[in-house]
Amino acid sequence: MSKNGVWQLKKLAINYCEFSGSSKYVRNILNTKVEKFKSVNPQIEFEYKVNRGSHPYLIATYESGVTKTVPLRGRTEEKVLKHIQNLKDTSGEKPKKLGDRYISKTESIQGLWNPFINFSNSEQK
């Protein structure tokens, strides 16, 4: 995501194991689909780390210094790419609540508006 023309995601670290079954989908897409994503998004720095005996996960570092960690244990290739795209499309900040809608507990004195009201018969002085 871009704020004022500045991309928010700076670095994406992909941690996986060379041998574990939970990392097999991550290993399958590293040289193909992730490289294609990397070429389309040159503003993101990619880092691959091999951690033996651990489950795969992503670490996203944003411009604001916030880091997000997403576990990828047993995720399919499509879901891994969806997580990467989701991290790219977010700003790293928590969602902000914009406020509640104002709902009055009392009805209007004039009554509810109706589009079929005919004002031609009413008296106007």
C-alpha atoms as a PDB file:
ATOM      1  CA  MET A   1       0.000   0.000   0.000  1.00  0.00           C
ATOM      2  CA  SER A   2       1.170   3.471  -0.758  1.00  0.00           C
ATOM      3  CA  LYS A   3       0.660   6.513   1.458  1.00  0.00           C
ATOM      4  CA  ASN A   4       1.403   9.816  -0.263  1.00  0.00           C
ATOM      5  CA  GLY A   5       3.361   7.935  -2.917  1.00  0.00           C
ATOM      6  CA  VAL A   6       5.570   6.071  -0.418  1.00  0.00           C
ATOM      7  CA  TRP A   7       5.288   2.275  -0.350  1.00  0.00           C
ATOM      8  CA  GLN A   8       4.716   1.099   3.217  1.00  0.00           C
ATOM      9  CA  LEU A   9       6.100  -2.451   3.000  1.00  0.00           C
ATOM     10  CA  LYS A  10       9.888  -2.250   2.993  1.00  0.00           C
ATOM     11  CA  LYS A  11      11.101  -5.781   3.715  1.00  0.00           C
ATOM     12  CA  LEU A  12       9.591  -9.248   3.518  1.00  0.00           C
ATOM     13  CA  ALA A  13      11.461 -12.154   5.117  1.00  0.00           C
ATOM     14  CA  ILE A  14      10.413 -15.696   4.219  1.00  0.00           C
ATOM     15  CA  ASN A  15      11.540 -18.262   6.782  1.00  0.00           C
ATOM     16  CA  TYR A  16      11.244 -21.960   5.943  1.00  0.00           C
ATOM     17  CA  CYS A  17      12.818 -25.376   6.521  1.00  0.00           C
ATOM     18  CA  GLU A  18      14.590 -27.350   3.778  1.00  0.00           C
ATOM     19  CA  PHE A  19      13.162 -30.706   4.824  1.00  0.00           C
ATOM     20  CA  SER A  20       9.900 -30.330   6.777  1.00  0.00           C
ATOM     21  CA  GLY A  21       6.568 -31.186   5.204  1.00  0.00           C
ATOM     22  CA  SER A  22       4.934 -27.992   6.458  1.00  0.00           C
ATOM     23  CA  SER A  23       7.346 -25.962   4.298  1.00  0.00           C
ATOM     24  CA  LYS A  24       6.881 -27.896   1.060  1.00  0.00           C
ATOM     25  CA  TYR A  25       4.448 -25.399  -0.530  1.00  0.00           C
ATOM     26  CA  VAL A  26       6.735 -22.493   0.349  1.00  0.00           C
ATOM     27  CA  ARG A  27       9.724 -24.299  -1.188  1.00  0.00           C
ATOM     28  CA  ASN A  28       7.682 -25.049  -4.343  1.00  0.00           C
ATOM     29  CA  ILE A  29       6.915 -21.399  -5.080  1.00  0.00           C
ATOM     30  CA  LEU A  30      10.192 -19.734  -4.039  1.00  0.00           C
ATOM     31  CA  ASN A  31      11.885 -19.975  -7.425  1.00  0.00           C
ATOM     32  CA  THR A  32       8.800 -19.412  -9.573  1.00  0.00           C
ATOM     33  CA  LYS A  33       5.883 -17.387  -8.245  1.00  0.00           C
ATOM     34  CA  VAL A  34       7.741 -15.468  -5.544  1.00  0.00           C
ATOM     35  CA  GLU A  35      10.413 -14.457  -8.062  1.00  0.00           C
ATOM     36  CA  LYS A  36       7.680 -13.199 -10.402  1.00  0.00           C
ATOM     37  CA  PHE A  37       6.114 -11.245  -7.503  1.00  0.00           C
ATOM     38  CA  LYS A  38       9.575  -9.913  -6.668  1.00  0.00           C
ATOM     39  CA  SER A  39      10.137  -8.650 -10.218  1.00  0.00           C
ATOM     40  CA  VAL A  40       6.735  -6.910 -10.263  1.00  0.00           C
ATOM     41  CA  ASN A  41       7.415  -5.240  -6.881  1.00  0.00           C
ATOM     42  CA  PRO A  42      11.045  -4.019  -6.920  1.00  0.00           C
ATOM     43  CA  GLN A  43      10.392  -1.601  -4.015  1.00  0.00           C
ATOM     44  CA  ILE A  44      10.170  -4.551  -1.575  1.00  0.00           C
ATOM     45  CA  GLU A  45      13.371  -6.102  -0.235  1.00  0.00           C
ATOM     46  CA  PHE A  46      13.051  -9.903  -0.056  1.00  0.00           C
ATOM     47  CA  GLU A  47      15.050 -12.108   2.275  1.00  0.00           C
ATOM     48  CA  TYR A  48      15.043 -15.909   2.424  1.00  0.00           C
ATOM     49  CA  LYS A  49      16.093 -17.639   5.639  1.00  0.00           C
ATOM     50  CA  VAL A  50      16.449 -21.368   6.166  1.00  0.00           C
ATOM     51  CA  ASN A  51      15.566 -22.376   9.735  1.00  0.00           C
ATOM     52  CA  ARG A  52      15.980 -26.096  10.249  1.00  0.00           C
ATOM     53  CA  GLY A  53      13.263 -27.810  12.221  1.00  0.00           C
ATOM     54  CA  SER A  54      10.853 -24.870  12.278  1.00  0.00           C
ATOM     55  CA  HIS A  55       7.571 -24.141  10.560  1.00  0.00           C
ATOM     56  CA  PRO A  56       7.479 -21.548   7.771  1.00  0.00           C
ATOM     57  CA  TYR A  57       6.451 -17.956   8.445  1.00  0.00           C
ATOM     58  CA  LEU A  58       6.619 -14.480   6.930  1.00  0.00           C
ATOM     59  CA  ILE A  59       7.971 -11.366   8.646  1.00  0.00           C
ATOM     60  CA  ALA A  60       6.873  -8.076   7.090  1.00  0.00           C
ATOM     61  CA  THR A  61       8.648  -4.854   8.079  1.00  0.00           C
ATOM     62  CA  TYR A  62       6.897  -1.576   7.294  1.00  0.00           C
ATOM     63  CA  GLU A  63       8.104   2.003   6.865  1.00  0.00           C
ATOM     64  CA  SER A  64       6.731   2.931  10.304  1.00  0.00           C
ATOM     65  CA  GLY A  65       8.880   0.262  11.987  1.00  0.00           C
ATOM     66  CA  VAL A  66       5.973  -2.097  12.638  1.00  0.00           C
ATOM     67  CA  THR A  67       6.586  -5.792  11.986  1.00  0.00           C
ATOM     68  CA  LYS A  68       3.925  -8.397  11.285  1.00  0.00           C
ATOM     69  CA  THR A  69       4.478 -12.136  11.502  1.00  0.00           C
ATOM     70  CA  VAL A  70       2.268 -14.548   9.555  1.00  0.00           C
ATOM     71  CA  PRO A  71       2.587 -18.326  10.117  1.00  0.00           C
ATOM     72  CA  LEU A  72       2.474 -20.432   6.937  1.00  0.00           C
ATOM     73  CA  ARG A  73       2.332 -23.914   8.453  1.00  0.00           C
ATOM     74  CA  GLY A  74       0.669 -26.233   5.942  1.00  0.00           C
ATOM     75  CA  ARG A  75      -0.671 -23.393   3.751  1.00  0.00           C
ATOM     76  CA  THR A  76      -1.131 -24.117   0.058  1.00  0.00           C
ATOM     77  CA  GLU A  77       0.740 -22.207  -2.610  1.00  0.00           C
ATOM     78  CA  GLU A  78      -2.253 -19.983  -3.390  1.00  0.00           C
ATOM     79  CA  LYS A  79      -2.726 -19.091   0.269  1.00  0.00           C
ATOM     80  CA  VAL A  80       0.967 -18.255   0.691  1.00  0.00           C
ATOM     81  CA  LEU A  81       0.790 -15.872  -2.279  1.00  0.00           C
ATOM     82  CA  LYS A  82      -2.437 -14.413  -0.903  1.00  0.00           C
ATOM     83  CA  HIS A  83      -0.716 -13.711   2.428  1.00  0.00           C
ATOM     84  CA  ILE A  84       2.195 -12.036   0.643  1.00  0.00           C
ATOM     85  CA  GLN A  85      -0.200  -9.877  -1.404  1.00  0.00           C
ATOM     86  CA  ASN A  86      -2.192  -9.004   1.727  1.00  0.00           C
ATOM     87  CA  LEU A  87       0.958  -7.882   3.543  1.00  0.00           C
ATOM     88  CA  LYS A  88       1.877  -5.720   0.543  1.00  0.00           C
ATOM     89  CA  ASP A  89      -1.592  -4.146   0.456  1.00  0.00           C
ATOM     90  CA  THR A  90      -1.701  -3.152   4.138  1.00  0.00           C
ATOM     91  CA  SER A  91       0.008  -0.226   5.810  1.00  0.00           C
ATOM     92  CA  GLY A  92       1.114  -2.008   8.990  1.00  0.00           C
ATOM     93  CA  GLU A  93      -1.123   0.126  11.177  1.00  0.00           C
ATOM     94  CA  LYS A  94      -4.129  -1.138  13.076  1.00  0.00           C
ATOM     95  CA  PRO A  95      -7.481  -0.374  11.456  1.00  0.00           C
ATOM     96  CA  LYS A  96      -9.005   2.837  12.792  1.00  0.00           C
ATOM     97  CA  LYS A  97     -12.643   3.150  13.728  1.00  0.00           C
ATOM     98  CA  LEU A  98     -14.173   6.125  11.989  1.00  0.00           C
ATOM     99  CA  GLY A  99     -17.035   6.633  14.430  1.00  0.00           C
ATOM    100  CA  ASP A 100     -20.578   5.557  15.055  1.00  0.00           C
ATOM    101  CA  ARG A 101     -23.507   6.508  12.906  1.00  0.00           C
ATOM    102  CA  TYR A 102     -25.831   8.910  14.649  1.00  0.00           C
ATOM    103  CA  ILE A 103     -29.203   7.262  15.218  1.00  0.00           C
ATOM    104  CA  SER A 104     -31.866   9.291  16.972  1.00  0.00           C
ATOM    105  CA  LYS A 105     -34.122   7.565  19.473  1.00  0.00           C
ATOM    106  CA  THR A 106     -36.983   9.975  18.845  1.00  0.00           C
ATOM    107  CA  GLU A 107     -38.836  10.222  15.567  1.00  0.00           C
ATOM    108  CA  SER A 108     -39.018  13.406  13.588  1.00  0.00           C
ATOM    109  CA  ILE A 109     -41.776  15.874  14.528  1.00  0.00           C
ATOM    110  CA  GLN A 110     -42.644  16.293  10.879  1.00  0.00           C
ATOM    111  CA  GLY A 111     -43.009  12.567  10.306  1.00  0.00           C
ATOM    112  CA  LEU A 112     -41.255  10.254   7.918  1.00  0.00           C
ATOM    113  CA  TRP A 113     -40.537  11.500   4.425  1.00  0.00           C
ATOM    114  CA  ASN A 114     -42.396   9.799   1.618  1.00  0.00           C
ATOM    115  CA  PRO A 115     -41.573  10.354  -2.074  1.00  0.00           C
ATOM    116  CA  PHE A 116     -45.279  10.175  -2.988  1.00  0.00           C
ATOM    117  CA  ILE A 117     -46.376  13.159  -0.873  1.00  0.00           C
ATOM    118  CA  ASN A 118     -48.343  15.640  -2.944  1.00  0.00           C
ATOM    119  CA  PHE A 119     -47.640  19.240  -1.882  1.00  0.00           C
ATOM    120  CA  SER A 120     -49.882  20.885  -4.492  1.00  0.00           C
ATOM    121  CA  ASN A 121     -52.958  20.681  -2.215  1.00  0.00           C
ATOM    122  CA  SER A 122     -51.255  22.142   0.862  1.00  0.00           C
ATOM    123  CA  GLU A 123     -51.757  25.760   1.788  1.00  0.00           C
ATOM    124  CA  GLN A 124     -48.743  28.004   1.771  1.00  0.00           C
ATOM    125  CA  LYS A 125     -49.042  31.547   3.110  1.00  0.00           C
END
